[in-house]
Amino acid sequence: MHSLPGGMGVAWEVAVAVFAAVVGAGFVSGREIWVFFAMHGDLGTVLALAAAALLAAGAWRTAQTAAEAPRIALPWRVLLGIFGFVTLAAVVAALGSLAHVRLGLSPWLGGLLAALFAALAQGGGTGGLRRWQGALLILVVVAVLATAGLGLRHAAPAAAGTPGPPLQVGIGVLGYAAYNVALASDGVRRSAAGRGAEGRRGALAGGLAAGLLLTLEAAVLARSGALVAHADLPLRALALSLHGPLAISVEVAIAFASLSAAASFLQAAADVFGGTWPTAALAFLASTLGVQAIVDRAYPVMAVLALLWMLALVWPSALVGGGGPHRQGR
């Protein structure tokens, strides 16, 4: 970050904090994008745009509250730490599974290596972590853009889709955005605190970048329809149908994005779970439950708590234990 002029370096660091937390395994693999958005056809692209706007607004507001409430109350710090820990365990489990399928390693060994890598990534501090993540995430963006660009060029028009009840669809979009804002909040607060307008601009830029990539991915997966509907890794399935080596690049992007996200989530959880190495060890043990068990049991609860966090961002005085609306005219 020091190689960029003052304000640009601050904005880049905060933007990477947002992007690294959002663009994890489910995003780059395309699975969560299909479930939340693309399966609804053309409507899914509109829903993705709505989620992108909420994500950008939530990231910007998180950076703003870092000035209004520099140190949040203990219950909120614990909540964000739990968010980081649960998601870290799921990402480590996913990386263990990927290492087993692609490299022939046992899942527990793959997960152990992922947890170890995430812990080592903390050694350079926040600035060092953001530089490392920024380099990896550029590769992720290139892989997703290449697949999406070719996909939109060759795919058929989007199907109409069969959206669920409007209330259910709306809650899904809001929950998706809230969960990702909560995941990014620790990194944004660390990077944006005391950075003023540049921190807020960086958070907004990172949220918009992730949101626009989300929308593009939703559009291309919607147009791919039956080709990706039942794939564990929809974006890889699309890439494989377009160009074999491109599928390998998507697999690499999934691994890089997952490692990058794991490092962010570990940083968020470490203060609550006793430091970097104990947290990495506990997350590895939790990861042995498997991705499906973690997601099915913990994520619905986390989504509800994420909505509470989004509400708290509206009134920063609630973040420091005072309760009620913020009274300083913001």
Protein backbone atom coordinates (compact mmCIF):
# COMPACT_ATOMS: atom_id res chain seq x y z
CA MET A 1 0.00 0.00 0.00
CA HIS A 2 2.92 2.38 0.58
CA SER A 3 3.67 2.35 -3.15
CA LEU A 4 0.41 4.20 -3.86
CA PRO A 5 -0.02 7.94 -3.20
CA GLY A 6 -1.44 8.66 0.30
CA GLY A 7 -5.21 8.64 -0.14
CA MET A 8 -5.13 6.09 -2.95
CA GLY A 9 -3.24 3.67 -0.73
CA VAL A 10 -5.82 4.04 2.03
CA ALA A 11 -8.73 3.57 -0.38
CA TRP A 12 -7.09 0.51 -1.97
CA GLU A 13 -6.48 -1.13 1.41
CA VAL A 14 -10.09 -0.66 2.50
CA ALA A 15 -11.44 -1.77 -0.89
CA VAL A 16 -9.38 -4.97 -0.70
CA ALA A 17 -10.70 -5.60 2.82
CA VAL A 18 -14.26 -5.58 1.47
CA PHE A 19 -13.49 -7.56 -1.67
CA ALA A 20 -11.44 -10.22 0.10
CA ALA A 21 -14.24 -10.94 2.57
CA VAL A 22 -16.99 -11.14 -0.06
CA VAL A 23 -15.28 -13.02 -2.89
CA GLY A 24 -14.86 -16.40 -1.23
CA ALA A 25 -15.27 -19.97 -2.40
CA GLY A 26 -19.04 -19.88 -2.96
CA PHE A 27 -18.80 -16.65 -4.94
CA VAL A 28 -16.02 -17.74 -7.30
CA SER A 29 -17.36 -21.27 -7.68
CA GLY A 30 -20.73 -19.75 -8.61
CA ARG A 31 -22.76 -22.02 -6.35
CA GLU A 32 -24.12 -19.34 -4.03
CA ILE A 33 -24.65 -17.00 -7.01
CA TRP A 34 -26.79 -19.66 -8.68
CA VAL A 35 -28.84 -20.40 -5.55
CA PHE A 36 -29.54 -16.79 -4.62
CA PHE A 37 -29.78 -15.16 -8.04
CA ALA A 38 -29.09 -16.95 -11.32
CA MET A 39 -31.69 -19.70 -10.89
CA HIS A 40 -34.35 -16.99 -11.27
CA GLY A 41 -33.30 -16.22 -14.85
CA ASP A 42 -33.49 -12.58 -15.97
CA LEU A 43 -34.95 -11.61 -12.61
CA GLY A 44 -31.82 -12.96 -10.95
CA THR A 45 -29.69 -10.29 -12.61
CA VAL A 46 -32.00 -7.59 -11.21
CA LEU A 47 -31.83 -9.22 -7.77
CA ALA A 48 -28.03 -9.31 -8.01
CA LEU A 49 -28.00 -5.58 -8.77
CA ALA A 50 -30.13 -4.97 -5.68
CA ALA A 51 -27.76 -7.04 -3.56
CA ALA A 52 -24.80 -5.15 -5.06
CA ALA A 53 -26.32 -1.81 -4.04
CA LEU A 54 -26.98 -3.05 -0.49
CA LEU A 55 -23.48 -4.46 -0.25
CA ALA A 56 -21.86 -1.20 -1.36
CA ALA A 57 -24.05 0.88 0.96
CA GLY A 58 -23.36 -1.44 3.89
CA ALA A 59 -19.60 -1.34 3.32
CA TRP A 60 -19.64 2.47 3.09
CA ARG A 61 -21.70 2.74 6.27
CA THR A 62 -19.37 0.37 8.09
CA ALA A 63 -16.42 2.62 7.22
CA GLN A 64 -18.35 5.67 8.36
CA THR A 65 -19.24 4.15 11.73
CA ALA A 66 -15.55 3.40 12.31
CA ALA A 67 -15.26 7.16 12.91
CA GLU A 68 -18.56 7.55 14.78
CA ALA A 69 -18.03 4.51 17.02
CA PRO A 70 -14.27 3.75 16.95
CA ARG A 71 -14.52 0.91 19.46
CA ILE A 72 -17.70 -1.12 19.37
CA ALA A 73 -19.17 -2.76 22.46
CA LEU A 74 -18.03 -6.24 23.49
CA PRO A 75 -21.20 -8.08 22.33
CA TRP A 76 -20.74 -6.71 18.81
CA ARG A 77 -17.04 -7.60 18.77
CA VAL A 78 -17.95 -11.13 19.83
CA LEU A 79 -20.65 -11.30 17.14
CA LEU A 80 -18.25 -10.31 14.36
CA GLY A 81 -15.67 -12.73 15.77
CA ILE A 82 -18.20 -15.56 15.63
CA PHE A 83 -19.08 -14.62 12.05
CA GLY A 84 -15.44 -14.84 11.13
CA PHE A 85 -14.91 -18.13 12.96
CA VAL A 86 -17.93 -19.97 11.54
CA THR A 87 -17.16 -18.87 8.00
CA LEU A 88 -13.47 -19.66 8.44
CA ALA A 89 -14.37 -23.21 9.49
CA ALA A 90 -16.60 -23.60 6.42
CA VAL A 91 -13.89 -22.27 4.07
CA VAL A 92 -11.23 -24.52 5.59
CA ALA A 93 -13.57 -27.50 5.16
CA ALA A 94 -14.20 -26.50 1.53
CA LEU A 95 -10.48 -26.18 0.85
CA GLY A 96 -9.89 -29.59 2.41
CA SER A 97 -12.52 -31.08 0.13
CA LEU A 98 -11.02 -29.34 -2.92
CA ALA A 99 -7.54 -30.62 -2.03
CA HIS A 100 -8.96 -34.14 -1.77
CA VAL A 101 -10.76 -34.01 -5.12
CA ARG A 102 -8.07 -32.20 -7.12
CA LEU A 103 -4.81 -33.24 -5.44
CA GLY A 104 -5.66 -36.57 -3.85
CA LEU A 105 -4.83 -35.34 -0.33
CA SER A 106 -6.94 -36.48 2.58
CA PRO A 107 -9.56 -33.81 3.46
CA TRP A 108 -8.17 -33.32 6.96
CA LEU A 109 -4.65 -32.75 5.62
CA GLY A 110 -5.93 -30.27 3.03
CA GLY A 111 -7.89 -28.44 5.74
CA LEU A 112 -4.88 -28.42 8.05
CA LEU A 113 -2.70 -26.89 5.34
CA ALA A 114 -5.37 -24.26 4.62
CA ALA A 115 -5.63 -23.31 8.31
CA LEU A 116 -1.83 -23.16 8.55
CA PHE A 117 -1.59 -20.95 5.47
CA ALA A 118 -4.25 -18.57 6.83
CA ALA A 119 -2.37 -18.30 10.14
CA LEU A 120 0.93 -17.57 8.43
CA ALA A 121 -0.71 -14.86 6.34
CA GLN A 122 -1.34 -12.90 9.55
CA GLY A 123 2.38 -12.44 10.14
CA GLY A 124 2.67 -9.27 8.06
CA GLY A 125 -0.05 -7.42 9.96
CA THR A 126 -3.09 -5.78 8.38
CA GLY A 127 -1.15 -3.86 5.73
CA GLY A 128 0.84 -6.91 4.66
CA LEU A 129 -2.31 -9.02 4.52
CA ARG A 130 -4.05 -6.50 2.27
CA ARG A 131 -1.11 -6.35 -0.14
CA TRP A 132 -1.06 -10.14 -0.43
CA GLN A 133 -4.84 -10.29 -0.84
CA GLY A 134 -4.82 -7.54 -3.45
CA ALA A 135 -2.40 -9.46 -5.66
CA LEU A 136 -4.42 -12.68 -5.40
CA LEU A 137 -7.75 -10.99 -5.97
CA ILE A 138 -6.58 -9.44 -9.23
CA LEU A 139 -6.06 -13.00 -10.50
CA VAL A 140 -9.54 -13.94 -9.28
CA VAL A 141 -11.14 -11.02 -11.10
CA VAL A 142 -9.35 -11.89 -14.36
CA ALA A 143 -10.51 -15.54 -14.19
CA VAL A 144 -14.13 -14.59 -13.47
CA LEU A 145 -14.21 -11.86 -16.12
CA ALA A 146 -12.71 -14.17 -18.77
CA THR A 147 -15.25 -16.92 -18.06
CA ALA A 148 -18.17 -14.50 -17.89
CA GLY A 149 -17.14 -12.70 -21.06
CA LEU A 150 -16.90 -15.89 -23.09
CA GLY A 151 -20.05 -17.23 -21.47
CA LEU A 152 -22.16 -14.20 -22.37
CA ARG A 153 -20.84 -14.37 -25.92
CA HIS A 154 -21.78 -18.02 -26.48
CA ALA A 155 -24.75 -18.59 -24.15
CA ALA A 156 -28.39 -18.63 -25.14
CA PRO A 157 -30.79 -15.89 -23.96
CA ALA A 158 -31.68 -16.09 -20.29
CA ALA A 159 -34.62 -18.22 -19.28
CA ALA A 160 -37.56 -16.67 -17.47
CA GLY A 161 -36.78 -18.64 -14.33
CA THR A 162 -39.20 -19.71 -11.61
CA PRO A 163 -38.75 -17.33 -8.68
CA GLY A 164 -40.15 -18.25 -5.30
CA PRO A 165 -42.62 -16.14 -3.30
CA PRO A 166 -41.66 -12.43 -3.46
CA LEU A 167 -41.17 -12.18 0.31
CA GLN A 168 -38.86 -15.19 0.33
CA VAL A 169 -36.85 -13.86 -2.61
CA GLY A 170 -36.58 -10.41 -1.03
CA ILE A 171 -35.42 -11.81 2.31
CA GLY A 172 -32.87 -13.92 0.47
CA VAL A 173 -31.36 -10.88 -1.26
CA LEU A 174 -31.33 -8.85 1.97
CA GLY A 175 -29.86 -11.76 3.93
CA TYR A 176 -27.13 -12.33 1.34
CA ALA A 177 -26.08 -8.68 1.43
CA ALA A 178 -26.27 -8.47 5.24
CA TYR A 179 -24.19 -11.60 5.74
CA ASN A 180 -21.45 -10.32 3.47
CA VAL A 181 -21.46 -6.87 5.05
CA ALA A 182 -21.02 -8.51 8.45
CA LEU A 183 -18.16 -10.65 7.13
CA ALA A 184 -16.40 -7.58 5.72
CA SER A 185 -17.03 -5.36 8.75
CA ASP A 186 -14.01 -6.34 10.83
CA GLY A 187 -11.56 -5.82 7.97
CA VAL A 188 -13.19 -2.52 6.96
CA ARG A 189 -13.09 -1.18 10.51
CA ARG A 190 -9.44 -2.15 10.92
CA SER A 191 -8.45 -0.53 7.63
CA ALA A 192 -10.76 2.51 7.63
CA ALA A 193 -10.54 3.67 11.27
CA GLY A 194 -9.08 7.17 11.38
CA ARG A 195 -8.80 7.32 7.57
CA GLY A 196 -11.73 9.72 6.97
CA ALA A 197 -13.23 10.18 3.53
CA GLU A 198 -10.64 7.99 1.81
CA GLY A 199 -11.63 5.04 3.97
CA ARG A 200 -15.28 5.53 3.09
CA ARG A 201 -14.50 5.85 -0.61
CA GLY A 202 -12.44 2.68 -0.51
CA ALA A 203 -15.23 0.75 1.21
CA LEU A 204 -17.75 1.99 -1.34
CA ALA A 205 -15.44 1.10 -4.24
CA GLY A 206 -14.77 -2.39 -2.86
CA GLY A 207 -18.47 -3.04 -2.33
CA LEU A 208 -19.34 -1.81 -5.81
CA ALA A 209 -16.57 -3.87 -7.42
CA ALA A 210 -17.69 -7.04 -5.67
CA GLY A 211 -21.34 -6.22 -6.44
CA LEU A 212 -20.75 -5.63 -10.13
CA LEU A 213 -18.75 -8.84 -10.43
CA LEU A 214 -21.60 -10.59 -8.63
CA THR A 215 -24.12 -9.17 -11.12
CA LEU A 216 -22.03 -10.19 -14.13
CA GLU A 217 -21.61 -13.70 -12.78
CA ALA A 218 -25.34 -13.98 -12.07
CA ALA A 219 -26.15 -12.89 -15.63
CA VAL A 220 -23.85 -15.40 -17.32
CA LEU A 221 -24.92 -18.29 -15.07
CA ALA A 222 -28.60 -17.48 -15.70
CA ARG A 223 -27.95 -17.70 -19.44
CA SER A 224 -26.17 -21.02 -18.98
CA GLY A 225 -29.24 -22.59 -17.39
CA ALA A 226 -29.29 -26.39 -17.38
CA LEU A 227 -25.55 -26.57 -18.03
CA VAL A 228 -24.74 -25.31 -14.52
CA ALA A 229 -27.93 -25.88 -12.52
CA HIS A 230 -26.77 -29.09 -10.84
CA ALA A 231 -23.01 -28.49 -10.83
CA ASP A 232 -21.16 -28.21 -7.53
CA LEU A 233 -18.92 -25.59 -9.18
CA PRO A 234 -21.16 -23.85 -11.76
CA LEU A 235 -18.56 -21.35 -12.97
CA ARG A 236 -16.06 -24.18 -13.53
CA ALA A 237 -18.70 -26.20 -15.39
CA LEU A 238 -19.31 -23.22 -17.67
CA ALA A 239 -15.58 -22.66 -18.20
CA LEU A 240 -15.09 -26.35 -19.02
CA SER A 241 -17.77 -26.15 -21.70
CA LEU A 242 -16.06 -23.12 -23.24
CA HIS A 243 -12.34 -23.87 -22.96
CA GLY A 244 -10.56 -26.62 -21.00
CA PRO A 245 -7.62 -24.58 -19.66
CA LEU A 246 -10.06 -21.88 -18.56
CA ALA A 247 -11.62 -24.40 -16.16
CA ILE A 248 -8.21 -24.93 -14.55
CA SER A 249 -7.87 -21.17 -14.08
CA VAL A 250 -11.25 -21.10 -12.37
CA GLU A 251 -10.17 -23.88 -10.01
CA VAL A 252 -7.05 -21.87 -9.17
CA ALA A 253 -9.20 -18.79 -8.64
CA ILE A 254 -11.46 -20.73 -6.27
CA ALA A 255 -8.45 -21.83 -4.24
CA PHE A 256 -6.92 -18.33 -4.16
CA ALA A 257 -10.21 -16.65 -3.23
CA SER A 258 -10.81 -19.21 -0.49
CA LEU A 259 -7.34 -18.76 1.00
CA SER A 260 -7.71 -14.99 0.83
CA ALA A 261 -11.10 -15.09 2.54
CA ALA A 262 -9.83 -17.54 5.17
CA ALA A 263 -7.06 -15.09 6.12
CA SER A 264 -9.61 -12.29 6.56
CA PHE A 265 -11.96 -14.40 8.63
CA LEU A 266 -9.13 -15.61 10.84
CA GLN A 267 -8.12 -12.01 11.50
CA ALA A 268 -11.71 -11.20 12.50
CA ALA A 269 -12.01 -14.18 14.85
CA ALA A 270 -8.57 -14.13 16.47
CA ASP A 271 -9.35 -11.47 19.09
CA VAL A 272 -12.34 -13.45 20.34
CA PHE A 273 -10.90 -16.97 20.19
CA GLY A 274 -7.54 -16.43 21.84
CA GLY A 275 -5.17 -15.31 19.10
CA THR A 276 -4.17 -16.40 15.61
CA TRP A 277 -2.81 -19.91 16.21
CA PRO A 278 -5.44 -21.10 18.75
CA THR A 279 -8.19 -19.76 16.45
CA ALA A 280 -6.71 -21.52 13.42
CA ALA A 281 -6.50 -24.78 15.38
CA LEU A 282 -10.10 -24.51 16.63
CA ALA A 283 -11.35 -23.65 13.13
CA PHE A 284 -9.57 -26.70 11.73
CA LEU A 285 -11.23 -28.93 14.33
CA ALA A 286 -14.63 -27.39 13.55
CA SER A 287 -14.00 -27.88 9.81
CA THR A 288 -13.93 -31.66 10.30
CA LEU A 289 -17.73 -31.47 10.67
CA GLY A 290 -17.85 -30.83 6.91
CA VAL A 291 -19.09 -27.93 4.81
CA GLN A 292 -22.68 -29.11 4.58
CA ALA A 293 -23.08 -29.57 8.34
CA ILE A 294 -21.58 -26.15 9.10
CA VAL A 295 -23.63 -24.34 6.48
CA ASP A 296 -26.91 -26.10 7.25
CA ARG A 297 -26.68 -25.66 11.02
CA ALA A 298 -24.95 -22.32 11.48
CA TYR A 299 -25.65 -20.16 8.45
CA PRO A 300 -29.41 -19.62 9.03
CA VAL A 301 -28.67 -18.32 12.53
CA MET A 302 -25.82 -16.19 11.21
CA ALA A 303 -28.10 -14.65 8.58
CA VAL A 304 -30.53 -13.46 11.27
CA LEU A 305 -27.69 -11.99 13.32
CA ALA A 306 -26.35 -10.29 10.19
CA LEU A 307 -29.64 -8.45 9.79
CA LEU A 308 -29.28 -7.21 13.39
CA TRP A 309 -25.80 -5.93 12.54
CA MET A 310 -27.16 -4.08 9.48
CA LEU A 311 -29.79 -2.42 11.69
CA ALA A 312 -27.12 -1.43 14.22
CA LEU A 313 -25.16 0.31 11.46
CA VAL A 314 -28.09 2.70 11.03
CA TRP A 315 -27.68 3.91 14.63
CA PRO A 316 -23.98 3.88 15.57
CA SER A 317 -24.78 4.75 19.20
CA ALA A 318 -26.18 1.23 19.47
CA LEU A 319 -22.73 -0.12 18.63
CA VAL A 320 -21.18 1.36 21.76
CA GLY A 321 -23.90 0.19 24.10
CA GLY A 322 -25.87 3.45 24.35
CA GLY A 323 -28.88 2.21 22.38
CA GLY A 324 -31.35 4.25 20.39
CA PRO A 325 -30.84 6.44 17.34
CA HIS A 326 -27.64 8.35 16.86
CA ARG A 327 -28.19 11.94 18.00
CA GLN A 328 -25.43 13.89 16.32
CA GLY A 329 -27.28 14.78 13.19
CA ARG A 330 -25.88 12.18 10.82
